[in-house]
Amino acid sequence: MVRAAEKAIYWHRELPPLNAEPIGERFIEINSMHVPGTLAHRDELWNQCYDDLVDKFATELDREILRLGAQYAHVLSESIDSKRNDVANEAWLHGSFAYVVYRRSAKPV
C-alpha cells in the first residue's frame, strides 16, 4: 500500500471522510493465484486464493487512486466466482469489484 498515514480504501459499510467528493464509479476485475484443482485441503486453498485476490485488488485499487489523482475509494460491491481448468488441474478465484473514487474537497465541511 502506498499511504500508511491516511486510510484510502473504505469497504462496503465504511464511509469515506465527509470532505470527499465523488469523481466516478469504476470496476476492477482480477484473478487470484492458481492452485491445484484438488478436493484435498479445499477450504485452505480457497482461503489462500481469497486472500491473494483481495491483496491483488487492494494493490491495483491503490494504483488507480493515485493514477486518477484521488485520495479515497469506497468499495461498493464484490462478486467472486471460482474458476477451474480441468486440463491443467488448476483452480482460482475471479473477482469483480465496483467502487467509487473520491477527491478531497477544498470546501469546509
PDB file of N, CA and C in Angstrom:
ATOM      1  N   MET A   1       0.832  -1.185   0.000  1.00  0.00           N
ATOM      2  CA  MET A   1       0.000   0.000   0.000  1.00  0.00           C
ATOM      3  C   MET A   1       0.875   1.246   0.000  1.00  0.00           C
ATOM      4  N   VAL A   2       0.367   2.282  -0.594  1.00  0.00           N
ATOM      5  CA  VAL A   2       1.148   3.493  -0.769  1.00  0.00           C
ATOM      6  C   VAL A   2       1.071   4.412   0.441  1.00  0.00           C
ATOM      7  N   ARG A   3      -0.108   4.587   1.004  1.00  0.00           N
ATOM      8  CA  ARG A   3      -0.297   5.550   2.085  1.00  0.00           C
ATOM      9  C   ARG A   3      -0.435   4.849   3.430  1.00  0.00           C
ATOM     10  N   ALA A   4       0.489   5.086   4.322  1.00  0.00           N
ATOM     11  CA  ALA A   4       0.413   4.485   5.643  1.00  0.00           C
ATOM     12  C   ALA A   4      -0.288   5.417   6.630  1.00  0.00           C
ATOM     13  N   ALA A   5      -0.172   6.735   6.451  1.00  0.00           N
ATOM     14  CA  ALA A   5      -0.697   7.692   7.412  1.00  0.00           C
ATOM     15  C   ALA A   5      -2.205   7.897   7.281  1.00  0.00           C
ATOM     16  N   GLU A   6      -2.746   7.764   6.093  1.00  0.00           N
ATOM     17  CA  GLU A   6      -4.153   8.038   5.867  1.00  0.00           C
ATOM     18  C   GLU A   6      -4.820   6.850   5.178  1.00  0.00           C
ATOM     19  N   LYS A   7      -5.960   6.467   5.694  1.00  0.00           N
ATOM     20  CA  LYS A   7      -6.703   5.371   5.084  1.00  0.00           C
ATOM     21  C   LYS A   7      -7.230   5.819   3.736  1.00  0.00           C
ATOM     22  N   ALA A   8      -7.086   4.973   2.721  1.00  0.00           N
ATOM     23  CA  ALA A   8      -7.516   5.328   1.376  1.00  0.00           C
ATOM     24  C   ALA A   8      -8.659   4.456   0.871  1.00  0.00           C
ATOM     25  N   ILE A   9      -8.748   3.211   1.331  1.00  0.00           N
ATOM     26  CA  ILE A   9      -9.756   2.279   0.829  1.00  0.00           C
ATOM     27  C   ILE A   9     -10.778   2.002   1.929  1.00  0.00           C
ATOM     28  N   TYR A  10     -12.045   2.229   1.581  1.00  0.00           N
ATOM     29  CA  TYR A  10     -13.150   2.008   2.511  1.00  0.00           C
ATOM     30  C   TYR A  10     -14.019   0.894   1.936  1.00  0.00           C
ATOM     31  N   TRP A  11     -14.287  -0.125   2.754  1.00  0.00           N
ATOM     32  CA  TRP A  11     -15.024  -1.298   2.298  1.00  0.00           C
ATOM     33  C   TRP A  11     -16.481  -1.223   2.721  1.00  0.00           C
ATOM     34  N   HIS A  12     -17.377  -1.467   1.786  1.00  0.00           N
ATOM     35  CA  HIS A  12     -18.812  -1.647   1.968  1.00  0.00           C
ATOM     36  C   HIS A  12     -19.453  -0.619   2.896  1.00  0.00           C
ATOM     37  N   ARG A  13     -19.661  -0.938   4.145  1.00  0.00           N
ATOM     38  CA  ARG A  13     -20.374  -0.045   5.066  1.00  0.00           C
ATOM     39  C   ARG A  13     -19.510   1.081   5.619  1.00  0.00           C
ATOM     40  N   GLU A  14     -18.209   0.996   5.456  1.00  0.00           N
ATOM     41  CA  GLU A  14     -17.335   2.086   5.885  1.00  0.00           C
ATOM     42  C   GLU A  14     -17.545   3.258   4.924  1.00  0.00           C
ATOM     43  N   LEU A  15     -17.557   4.451   5.450  1.00  0.00           N
ATOM     44  CA  LEU A  15     -17.763   5.621   4.608  1.00  0.00           C
ATOM     45  C   LEU A  15     -16.499   6.467   4.562  1.00  0.00           C
ATOM     46  N   PRO A  16     -16.212   7.046   3.396  1.00  0.00           N
ATOM     47  CA  PRO A  16     -15.057   7.936   3.298  1.00  0.00           C
ATOM     48  C   PRO A  16     -15.320   9.215   4.095  1.00  0.00           C
ATOM     49  N   PRO A  17     -14.312  10.044   4.299  1.00  0.00           N
ATOM     50  CA  PRO A  17     -14.492  11.282   5.068  1.00  0.00           C
ATOM     51  C   PRO A  17     -15.572  12.187   4.476  1.00  0.00           C
ATOM     52  N   LEU A  18     -16.124  13.037   5.301  1.00  0.00           N
ATOM     53  CA  LEU A  18     -17.195  13.931   4.869  1.00  0.00           C
ATOM     54  C   LEU A  18     -16.748  14.909   3.792  1.00  0.00           C
ATOM     55  N   ASN A  19     -15.459  15.227   3.752  1.00  0.00           N
ATOM     56  CA  ASN A  19     -14.976  16.184   2.751  1.00  0.00           C
ATOM     57  C   ASN A  19     -14.597  15.513   1.433  1.00  0.00           C
ATOM     58  N   ALA A  20     -14.997  14.274   1.234  1.00  0.00           N
ATOM     59  CA  ALA A  20     -14.687  13.542  -0.001  1.00  0.00           C
ATOM     60  C   ALA A  20     -15.759  13.798  -1.049  1.00  0.00           C
ATOM     61  N   GLU A  21     -15.325  14.187  -2.251  1.00  0.00           N
ATOM     62  CA  GLU A  21     -16.240  14.415  -3.372  1.00  0.00           C
ATOM     63  C   GLU A  21     -16.080  13.300  -4.394  1.00  0.00           C
ATOM     64  N   PRO A  22     -17.172  12.629  -4.772  1.00  0.00           N
ATOM     65  CA  PRO A  22     -17.055  11.542  -5.757  1.00  0.00           C
ATOM     66  C   PRO A  22     -16.633  12.077  -7.125  1.00  0.00           C
ATOM     67  N   ILE A  23     -15.759  11.322  -7.789  1.00  0.00           N
ATOM     68  CA  ILE A  23     -15.345  11.719  -9.139  1.00  0.00           C
ATOM     69  C   ILE A  23     -15.633  10.630 -10.169  1.00  0.00           C
ATOM     70  N   GLY A  24     -16.160   9.501  -9.727  1.00  0.00           N
ATOM     71  CA  GLY A  24     -16.541   8.477 -10.690  1.00  0.00           C
ATOM     72  C   GLY A  24     -16.633   7.092 -10.097  1.00  0.00           C
ATOM     73  N   GLU A  25     -17.461   6.275 -10.729  1.00  0.00           N
ATOM     74  CA  GLU A  25     -17.608   4.877 -10.332  1.00  0.00           C
ATOM     75  C   GLU A  25     -16.868   4.019 -11.350  1.00  0.00           C
ATOM     76  N   ARG A  26     -16.175   3.016 -10.865  1.00  0.00           N
ATOM     77  CA  ARG A  26     -15.347   2.179 -11.729  1.00  0.00           C
ATOM     78  C   ARG A  26     -15.434   0.719 -11.284  1.00  0.00           C
ATOM     79  N   PHE A  27     -14.820  -0.145 -12.102  1.00  0.00           N
ATOM     80  CA  PHE A  27     -14.796  -1.582 -11.823  1.00  0.00           C
ATOM     81  C   PHE A  27     -13.387  -2.111 -12.050  1.00  0.00           C
ATOM     82  N   ILE A  28     -13.031  -3.099 -11.260  1.00  0.00           N
ATOM     83  CA  ILE A  28     -11.780  -3.835 -11.469  1.00  0.00           C
ATOM     84  C   ILE A  28     -12.126  -5.313 -11.445  1.00  0.00           C
ATOM     85  N   GLU A  29     -11.637  -6.034 -12.445  1.00  0.00           N
ATOM     86  CA  GLU A  29     -11.739  -7.496 -12.454  1.00  0.00           C
ATOM     87  C   GLU A  29     -10.336  -8.042 -12.303  1.00  0.00           C
ATOM     88  N   ILE A  30     -10.203  -9.071 -11.485  1.00  0.00           N
ATOM     89  CA  ILE A  30      -8.871  -9.596 -11.183  1.00  0.00           C
ATOM     90  C   ILE A  30      -8.966 -11.075 -10.831  1.00  0.00           C
ATOM     91  N   ASN A  31      -7.890 -11.805 -11.072  1.00  0.00           N
ATOM     92  CA  ASN A  31      -7.821 -13.238 -10.751  1.00  0.00           C
ATOM     93  C   ASN A  31      -6.831 -13.482  -9.633  1.00  0.00           C
ATOM     94  N   SER A  32      -7.118 -14.503  -8.858  1.00  0.00           N
ATOM     95  CA  SER A  32      -6.195 -14.914  -7.795  1.00  0.00           C
ATOM     96  C   SER A  32      -5.114 -15.824  -8.381  1.00  0.00           C
ATOM     97  N   MET A  33      -4.234 -16.219  -7.525  1.00  0.00           N
ATOM     98  CA  MET A  33      -3.230 -17.217  -7.898  1.00  0.00           C
ATOM     99  C   MET A  33      -3.935 -18.520  -8.265  1.00  0.00           C
ATOM    100  N   HIS A  34      -3.286 -19.360  -9.028  1.00  0.00           N
ATOM    101  CA  HIS A  34      -3.832 -20.670  -9.390  1.00  0.00           C
ATOM    102  C   HIS A  34      -3.310 -21.702  -8.391  1.00  0.00           C
ATOM    103  N   VAL A  35      -4.182 -22.611  -8.010  1.00  0.00           N
ATOM    104  CA  VAL A  35      -3.823 -23.675  -7.068  1.00  0.00           C
ATOM    105  C   VAL A  35      -4.228 -25.017  -7.669  1.00  0.00           C
ATOM    106  N   PRO A  36      -3.709 -26.109  -7.129  1.00  0.00           N
ATOM    107  CA  PRO A  36      -4.117 -27.429  -7.632  1.00  0.00           C
ATOM    108  C   PRO A  36      -5.628 -27.614  -7.485  1.00  0.00           C
ATOM    109  N   GLY A  37      -6.257 -28.125  -8.507  1.00  0.00           N
ATOM    110  CA  GLY A  37      -7.705 -28.336  -8.506  1.00  0.00           C
ATOM    111  C   GLY A  37      -8.076 -29.645  -7.832  1.00  0.00           C
ATOM    112  N   THR A  38      -7.750 -29.772  -6.584  1.00  0.00           N
ATOM    113  CA  THR A  38      -7.999 -30.998  -5.833  1.00  0.00           C
ATOM    114  C   THR A  38      -9.004 -30.735  -4.720  1.00  0.00           C
ATOM    115  N   LEU A  39      -9.653 -31.778  -4.269  1.00  0.00           N
ATOM    116  CA  LEU A  39     -10.572 -31.639  -3.137  1.00  0.00           C
ATOM    117  C   LEU A  39      -9.841 -31.648  -1.801  1.00  0.00           C
ATOM    118  N   ALA A  40      -8.615 -32.139  -1.798  1.00  0.00           N
ATOM    119  CA  ALA A  40      -7.829 -32.155  -0.556  1.00  0.00           C
ATOM    120  C   ALA A  40      -7.494 -30.721  -0.162  1.00  0.00           C
ATOM    121  N   HIS A  41      -7.717 -30.392   1.076  1.00  0.00           N
ATOM    122  CA  HIS A  41      -7.411 -29.055   1.622  1.00  0.00           C
ATOM    123  C   HIS A  41      -8.169 -27.946   0.883  1.00  0.00           C
ATOM    124  N   ARG A  42      -9.366 -28.263   0.433  1.00  0.00           N
ATOM    125  CA  ARG A  42     -10.155 -27.328  -0.378  1.00  0.00           C
ATOM    126  C   ARG A  42     -10.393 -25.988   0.327  1.00  0.00           C
ATOM    127  N   ASP A  43     -10.782 -26.024   1.600  1.00  0.00           N
ATOM    128  CA  ASP A  43     -11.054 -24.780   2.327  1.00  0.00           C
ATOM    129  C   ASP A  43      -9.788 -23.947   2.492  1.00  0.00           C
ATOM    130  N   GLU A  44      -8.686 -24.595   2.811  1.00  0.00           N
ATOM    131  CA  GLU A  44      -7.408 -23.891   2.970  1.00  0.00           C
ATOM    132  C   GLU A  44      -6.978 -23.248   1.653  1.00  0.00           C
ATOM    133  N   LEU A  45      -7.131 -23.969   0.553  1.00  0.00           N
ATOM    134  CA  LEU A  45      -6.766 -23.424  -0.756  1.00  0.00           C
ATOM    135  C   LEU A  45      -7.682 -22.266  -1.143  1.00  0.00           C
ATOM    136  N   TRP A  46      -8.975 -22.381  -0.835  1.00  0.00           N
ATOM    137  CA  TRP A  46      -9.909 -21.298  -1.138  1.00  0.00           C
ATOM    138  C   TRP A  46      -9.513 -20.047  -0.358  1.00  0.00           C
ATOM    139  N   ASN A  47      -9.180 -20.215   0.927  1.00  0.00           N
ATOM    140  CA  ASN A  47      -8.763 -19.072   1.750  1.00  0.00           C
ATOM    141  C   ASN A  47      -7.493 -18.434   1.208  1.00  0.00           C
ATOM    142  N   GLN A  48      -6.543 -19.230   0.757  1.00  0.00           N
ATOM    143  CA  GLN A  48      -5.313 -18.689   0.162  1.00  0.00           C
ATOM    144  C   GLN A  48      -5.643 -17.890  -1.095  1.00  0.00           C
ATOM    145  N   CYS A  49      -6.507 -18.420  -1.936  1.00  0.00           N
ATOM    146  CA  CYS A  49      -6.902 -17.720  -3.165  1.00  0.00           C
ATOM    147  C   CYS A  49      -7.653 -16.434  -2.842  1.00  0.00           C
ATOM    148  N   TYR A  50      -8.542 -16.486  -1.861  1.00  0.00           N
ATOM    149  CA  TYR A  50      -9.304 -15.295  -1.486  1.00  0.00           C
ATOM    150  C   TYR A  50      -8.378 -14.202  -0.963  1.00  0.00           C
ATOM    151  N   ASP A  51      -7.467 -14.569  -0.074  1.00  0.00           N
ATOM    152  CA  ASP A  51      -6.517 -13.591   0.470  1.00  0.00           C
ATOM    153  C   ASP A  51      -5.667 -12.993  -0.642  1.00  0.00           C
ATOM    154  N   ASP A  52      -5.219 -13.825  -1.572  1.00  0.00           N
ATOM    155  CA  ASP A  52      -4.422 -13.348  -2.702  1.00  0.00           C
ATOM    156  C   ASP A  52      -5.239 -12.408  -3.584  1.00  0.00           C
ATOM    157  N   LEU A  53      -6.490 -12.770  -3.840  1.00  0.00           N
ATOM    158  CA  LEU A  53      -7.368 -11.945  -4.670  1.00  0.00           C
ATOM    159  C   LEU A  53      -7.574 -10.568  -4.044  1.00  0.00           C
ATOM    160  N   VAL A  54      -7.869 -10.515  -2.764  1.00  0.00           N
ATOM    161  CA  VAL A  54      -8.104  -9.242  -2.081  1.00  0.00           C
ATOM    162  C   VAL A  54      -6.828  -8.409  -2.039  1.00  0.00           C
ATOM    163  N   ASP A  55      -5.684  -9.037  -1.800  1.00  0.00           N
ATOM    164  CA  ASP A  55      -4.406  -8.312  -1.806  1.00  0.00           C
ATOM    165  C   ASP A  55      -4.119  -7.722  -3.181  1.00  0.00           C
ATOM    166  N   LYS A  56      -4.321  -8.505  -4.235  1.00  0.00           N
ATOM    167  CA  LYS A  56      -4.098  -8.006  -5.599  1.00  0.00           C
ATOM    168  C   LYS A  56      -5.052  -6.865  -5.923  1.00  0.00           C
ATOM    169  N   PHE A  57      -6.310  -7.005  -5.507  1.00  0.00           N
ATOM    170  CA  PHE A  57      -7.287  -5.947  -5.754  1.00  0.00           C
ATOM    171  C   PHE A  57      -6.895  -4.670  -5.027  1.00  0.00           C
ATOM    172  N   ALA A  58      -6.533  -4.773  -3.756  1.00  0.00           N
ATOM    173  CA  ALA A  58      -6.166  -3.583  -2.979  1.00  0.00           C
ATOM    174  C   ALA A  58      -4.953  -2.884  -3.591  1.00  0.00           C
ATOM    175  N   THR A  59      -3.984  -3.654  -4.064  1.00  0.00           N
ATOM    176  CA  THR A  59      -2.806  -3.071  -4.714  1.00  0.00           C
ATOM    177  C   THR A  59      -3.205  -2.344  -5.989  1.00  0.00           C
ATOM    178  N   GLU A  60      -4.046  -2.985  -6.799  1.00  0.00           N
ATOM    179  CA  GLU A  60      -4.495  -2.361  -8.047  1.00  0.00           C
ATOM    180  C   GLU A  60      -5.354  -1.127  -7.766  1.00  0.00           C
ATOM    181  N   LEU A  61      -6.206  -1.187  -6.760  1.00  0.00           N
ATOM    182  CA  LEU A  61      -7.059  -0.046  -6.422  1.00  0.00           C
ATOM    183  C   LEU A  61      -6.209   1.119  -5.926  1.00  0.00           C
ATOM    184  N   ASP A  62      -5.206   0.838  -5.141  1.00  0.00           N
ATOM    185  CA  ASP A  62      -4.307   1.891  -4.673  1.00  0.00           C
ATOM    186  C   ASP A  62      -3.627   2.583  -5.860  1.00  0.00           C
ATOM    187  N   ARG A  63      -3.210   1.796  -6.851  1.00  0.00           N
ATOM    188  CA  ARG A  63      -2.617   2.372  -8.074  1.00  0.00           C
ATOM    189  C   ARG A  63      -3.621   3.265  -8.811  1.00  0.00           C
ATOM    190  N   GLU A  64      -4.871   2.808  -8.888  1.00  0.00           N
ATOM    191  CA  GLU A  64      -5.905   3.577  -9.569  1.00  0.00           C
ATOM    192  C   GLU A  64      -6.196   4.891  -8.840  1.00  0.00           C
ATOM    193  N   ILE A  65      -6.220   4.852  -7.525  1.00  0.00           N
ATOM    194  CA  ILE A  65      -6.444   6.068  -6.739  1.00  0.00           C
ATOM    195  C   ILE A  65      -5.372   7.094  -7.080  1.00  0.00           C
ATOM    196  N   LEU A  66      -4.130   6.668  -7.096  1.00  0.00           N
ATOM    197  CA  LEU A  66      -3.030   7.576  -7.426  1.00  0.00           C
ATOM    198  C   LEU A  66      -3.103   8.047  -8.871  1.00  0.00           C
ATOM    199  N   ARG A  67      -3.376   7.136  -9.786  1.00  0.00           N
ATOM    200  CA  ARG A  67      -3.426   7.469 -11.209  1.00  0.00           C
ATOM    201  C   ARG A  67      -4.499   8.516 -11.504  1.00  0.00           C
ATOM    202  N   LEU A  68      -5.628   8.427 -10.809  1.00  0.00           N
ATOM    203  CA  LEU A  68      -6.740   9.340 -11.045  1.00  0.00           C
ATOM    204  C   LEU A  68      -6.625  10.635 -10.242  1.00  0.00           C
ATOM    205  N   GLY A  69      -5.587  10.762  -9.430  1.00  0.00           N
ATOM    206  CA  GLY A  69      -5.425  11.961  -8.614  1.00  0.00           C
ATOM    207  C   GLY A  69      -6.451  12.040  -7.499  1.00  0.00           C
ATOM    208  N   ALA A  70      -6.911  10.901  -7.055  1.00  0.00           N
ATOM    209  CA  ALA A  70      -7.910  10.828  -5.986  1.00  0.00           C
ATOM    210  C   ALA A  70      -7.212  10.560  -4.649  1.00  0.00           C
ATOM    211  N   GLN A  71      -7.978  10.610  -3.579  1.00  0.00           N
ATOM    212  CA  GLN A  71      -7.433  10.299  -2.258  1.00  0.00           C
ATOM    213  C   GLN A  71      -8.093   9.076  -1.625  1.00  0.00           C
ATOM    214  N   TYR A  72      -9.310   8.758  -2.060  1.00  0.00           N
ATOM    215  CA  TYR A  72     -10.058   7.680  -1.428  1.00  0.00           C
ATOM    216  C   TYR A  72     -10.789   6.831  -2.467  1.00  0.00           C
ATOM    217  N   ALA A  73     -11.154   5.625  -2.041  1.00  0.00           N
ATOM    218  CA  ALA A  73     -12.042   4.772  -2.833  1.00  0.00           C
ATOM    219  C   ALA A  73     -12.979   4.053  -1.864  1.00  0.00           C
ATOM    220  N   HIS A  74     -14.214   3.908  -2.280  1.00  0.00           N
ATOM    221  CA  HIS A  74     -15.211   3.201  -1.480  1.00  0.00           C
ATOM    222  C   HIS A  74     -15.680   1.996  -2.284  1.00  0.00           C
ATOM    223  N   VAL A  75     -15.371   0.803  -1.803  1.00  0.00           N
ATOM    224  CA  VAL A  75     -15.770  -0.429  -2.479  1.00  0.00           C
ATOM    225  C   VAL A  75     -17.256  -0.647  -2.203  1.00  0.00           C
ATOM    226  N   LEU A  76     -18.034  -0.674  -3.284  1.00  0.00           N
ATOM    227  CA  LEU A  76     -19.487  -0.818  -3.157  1.00  0.00           C
ATOM    228  C   LEU A  76     -19.927  -2.267  -3.156  1.00  0.00           C
ATOM    229  N   SER A  77     -19.318  -3.052  -4.051  1.00  0.00           N
ATOM    230  CA  SER A  77     -19.736  -4.451  -4.153  1.00  0.00           C
ATOM    231  C   SER A  77     -18.602  -5.297  -4.702  1.00  0.00           C
ATOM    232  N   GLU A  78     -18.723  -6.571  -4.463  1.00  0.00           N
ATOM    233  CA  GLU A  78     -17.770  -7.536  -4.996  1.00  0.00           C
ATOM    234  C   GLU A  78     -18.525  -8.791  -5.385  1.00  0.00           C
ATOM    235  N   SER A  79     -18.069  -9.403  -6.463  1.00  0.00           N
ATOM    236  CA  SER A  79     -18.619 -10.668  -6.905  1.00  0.00           C
ATOM    237  C   SER A  79     -17.437 -11.595  -7.149  1.00  0.00           C
ATOM    238  N   ILE A  80     -17.430 -12.725  -6.464  1.00  0.00           N
ATOM    239  CA  ILE A  80     -16.299 -13.647  -6.555  1.00  0.00           C
ATOM    240  C   ILE A  80     -16.805 -15.011  -6.995  1.00  0.00           C
ATOM    241  N   ASP A  81     -16.206 -15.519  -8.062  1.00  0.00           N
ATOM    242  CA  ASP A  81     -16.564 -16.822  -8.609  1.00  0.00           C
ATOM    243  C   ASP A  81     -15.330 -17.715  -8.646  1.00  0.00           C
ATOM    244  N   SER A  82     -15.558 -18.998  -8.491  1.00  0.00           N
ATOM    245  CA  SER A  82     -14.442 -19.940  -8.638  1.00  0.00           C
ATOM    246  C   SER A  82     -14.335 -20.333 -10.105  1.00  0.00           C
ATOM    247  N   LYS A  83     -13.109 -20.503 -10.549  1.00  0.00           N
ATOM    248  CA  LYS A  83     -12.825 -20.906 -11.929  1.00  0.00           C
ATOM    249  C   LYS A  83     -11.973 -22.161 -11.884  1.00  0.00           C
ATOM    250  N   ARG A  84     -11.997 -22.887 -12.975  1.00  0.00           N
ATOM    251  CA  ARG A  84     -11.293 -24.161 -12.988  1.00  0.00           C
ATOM    252  C   ARG A  84     -10.838 -24.498 -14.393  1.00  0.00           C
ATOM    253  N   ASN A  85      -9.660 -25.086 -14.487  1.00  0.00           N
ATOM    254  CA  ASN A  85      -9.139 -25.602 -15.748  1.00  0.00           C
ATOM    255  C   ASN A  85      -8.865 -27.079 -15.509  1.00  0.00           C
ATOM    256  N   ASP A  86      -9.758 -27.935 -15.996  1.00  0.00           N
ATOM    257  CA  ASP A  86      -9.626 -29.375 -15.763  1.00  0.00           C
ATOM    258  C   ASP A  86      -8.411 -29.965 -16.468  1.00  0.00           C
ATOM    259  N   VAL A  87      -8.039 -29.429 -17.616  1.00  0.00           N
ATOM    260  CA  VAL A  87      -6.890 -29.940 -18.356  1.00  0.00           C
ATOM    261  C   VAL A  87      -5.605 -29.728 -17.557  1.00  0.00           C
ATOM    262  N   ALA A  88      -5.457 -28.540 -16.987  1.00  0.00           N
ATOM    263  CA  ALA A  88      -4.261 -28.238 -16.189  1.00  0.00           C
ATOM    264  C   ALA A  88      -4.442 -28.625 -14.721  1.00  0.00           C
ATOM    265  N   ASN A  89      -5.639 -29.076 -14.345  1.00  0.00           N
ATOM    266  CA  ASN A  89      -5.972 -29.408 -12.961  1.00  0.00           C
ATOM    267  C   ASN A  89      -5.659 -28.239 -12.029  1.00  0.00           C
ATOM    268  N   GLU A  90      -6.173 -27.044 -12.408  1.00  0.00           N
ATOM    269  CA  GLU A  90      -5.968 -25.832 -11.616  1.00  0.00           C
ATOM    270  C   GLU A  90      -7.315 -25.203 -11.296  1.00  0.00           C
ATOM    271  N   ALA A  91      -7.313 -24.473 -10.181  1.00  0.00           N
ATOM    272  CA  ALA A  91      -8.487 -23.699  -9.795  1.00  0.00           C
ATOM    273  C   ALA A  91      -8.009 -22.328  -9.316  1.00  0.00           C
ATOM    274  N   TRP A  92      -8.903 -21.327  -9.396  1.00  0.00           N
ATOM    275  CA  TRP A  92      -8.582 -19.983  -8.935  1.00  0.00           C
ATOM    276  C   TRP A  92      -9.880 -19.233  -8.731  1.00  0.00           C
ATOM    277  N   LEU A  93      -9.780 -18.052  -8.177  1.00  0.00           N
ATOM    278  CA  LEU A  93     -10.942 -17.196  -7.986  1.00  0.00           C
ATOM    279  C   LEU A  93     -10.864 -16.002  -8.932  1.00  0.00           C
ATOM    280  N   HIS A  94     -12.029 -15.600  -9.425  1.00  0.00           N
ATOM    281  CA  HIS A  94     -12.138 -14.408 -10.264  1.00  0.00           C
ATOM    282  C   HIS A  94     -13.047 -13.428  -9.532  1.00  0.00           C
ATOM    283  N   GLY A  95     -12.549 -12.219  -9.325  1.00  0.00           N
ATOM    284  CA  GLY A  95     -13.329 -11.217  -8.610  1.00  0.00           C
ATOM    285  C   GLY A  95     -13.632 -10.016  -9.469  1.00  0.00           C
ATOM    286  N   SER A  96     -14.821  -9.465  -9.299  1.00  0.00           N
ATOM    287  CA  SER A  96     -15.234  -8.228  -9.938  1.00  0.00           C
ATOM    288  C   SER A  96     -15.652  -7.280  -8.817  1.00  0.00           C
ATOM    289  N   PHE A  97     -15.007  -6.117  -8.753  1.00  0.00           N
ATOM    290  CA  PHE A  97     -15.223  -5.172  -7.673  1.00  0.00           C
ATOM    291  C   PHE A  97     -15.702  -3.834  -8.246  1.00  0.00           C
ATOM    292  N   ALA A  98     -16.778  -3.296  -7.682  1.00  0.00           N
ATOM    293  CA  ALA A  98     -17.278  -1.975  -8.062  1.00  0.00           C
ATOM    294  C   ALA A  98     -16.912  -1.002  -6.948  1.00  0.00           C
ATOM    295  N   TYR A  99     -16.454   0.187  -7.346  1.00  0.00           N
ATOM    296  CA  TYR A  99     -16.031   1.166  -6.346  1.00  0.00           C
ATOM    297  C   TYR A  99     -16.224   2.578  -6.887  1.00  0.00           C
ATOM    298  N   VAL A 100     -16.255   3.533  -5.963  1.00  0.00           N
ATOM    299  CA  VAL A 100     -16.315   4.946  -6.304  1.00  0.00           C
ATOM    300  C   VAL A 100     -15.009   5.571  -5.838  1.00  0.00           C
ATOM    301  N   VAL A 101     -14.417   6.428  -6.683  1.00  0.00           N
ATOM    302  CA  VAL A 101     -13.214   7.156  -6.280  1.00  0.00           C
ATOM    303  C   VAL A 101     -13.615   8.573  -5.872  1.00  0.00           C
ATOM    304  N   TYR A 102     -12.862   9.122  -4.912  1.00  0.00           N
ATOM    305  CA  TYR A 102     -13.160  10.433  -4.338  1.00  0.00           C
ATOM    306  C   TYR A 102     -11.903  11.294  -4.284  1.00  0.00           C
ATOM    307  N   ARG A 103     -12.123  12.578  -4.432  1.00  0.00           N
ATOM    308  CA  ARG A 103     -11.078  13.574  -4.177  1.00  0.00           C
ATOM    309  C   ARG A 103     -11.433  14.305  -2.894  1.00  0.00           C
ATOM    310  N   ARG A 104     -10.413  14.771  -2.210  1.00  0.00           N
ATOM    311  CA  ARG A 104     -10.621  15.573  -1.020  1.00  0.00           C
ATOM    312  C   ARG A 104     -11.117  16.947  -1.464  1.00  0.00           C
ATOM    313  N   SER A 105     -12.215  17.385  -0.895  1.00  0.00           N
ATOM    314  CA  SER A 105     -12.809  18.676  -1.255  1.00  0.00           C
ATOM    315  C   SER A 105     -12.058  19.816  -0.594  1.00  0.00           C
ATOM    316  N   ALA A 106     -11.974  20.931  -1.304  1.00  0.00           N
ATOM    317  CA  ALA A 106     -11.365  22.136  -0.731  1.00  0.00           C
ATOM    318  C   ALA A 106     -12.383  22.891   0.108  1.00  0.00           C
ATOM    319  N   LYS A 107     -13.654  22.546  -0.050  1.00  0.00           N
ATOM    320  CA  LYS A 107     -14.723  23.225   0.708  1.00  0.00           C
ATOM    321  C   LYS A 107     -14.696  22.765   2.161  1.00  0.00           C
ATOM    322  N   PRO A 108     -14.938  23.664   3.099  1.00  0.00           N
ATOM    323  CA  PRO A 108     -15.034  23.249   4.510  1.00  0.00           C
ATOM    324  C   PRO A 108     -16.269  22.387   4.728  1.00  0.00           C
ATOM    325  N   VAL A 109     -16.149  21.455   5.649  1.00  0.00           N
ATOM    326  CA  VAL A 109     -17.262  20.550   5.941  1.00  0.00           C
ATOM    327  C   VAL A 109     -18.155  21.117   7.007  1.00  0.00           C
TER     328      VAL A 109
END
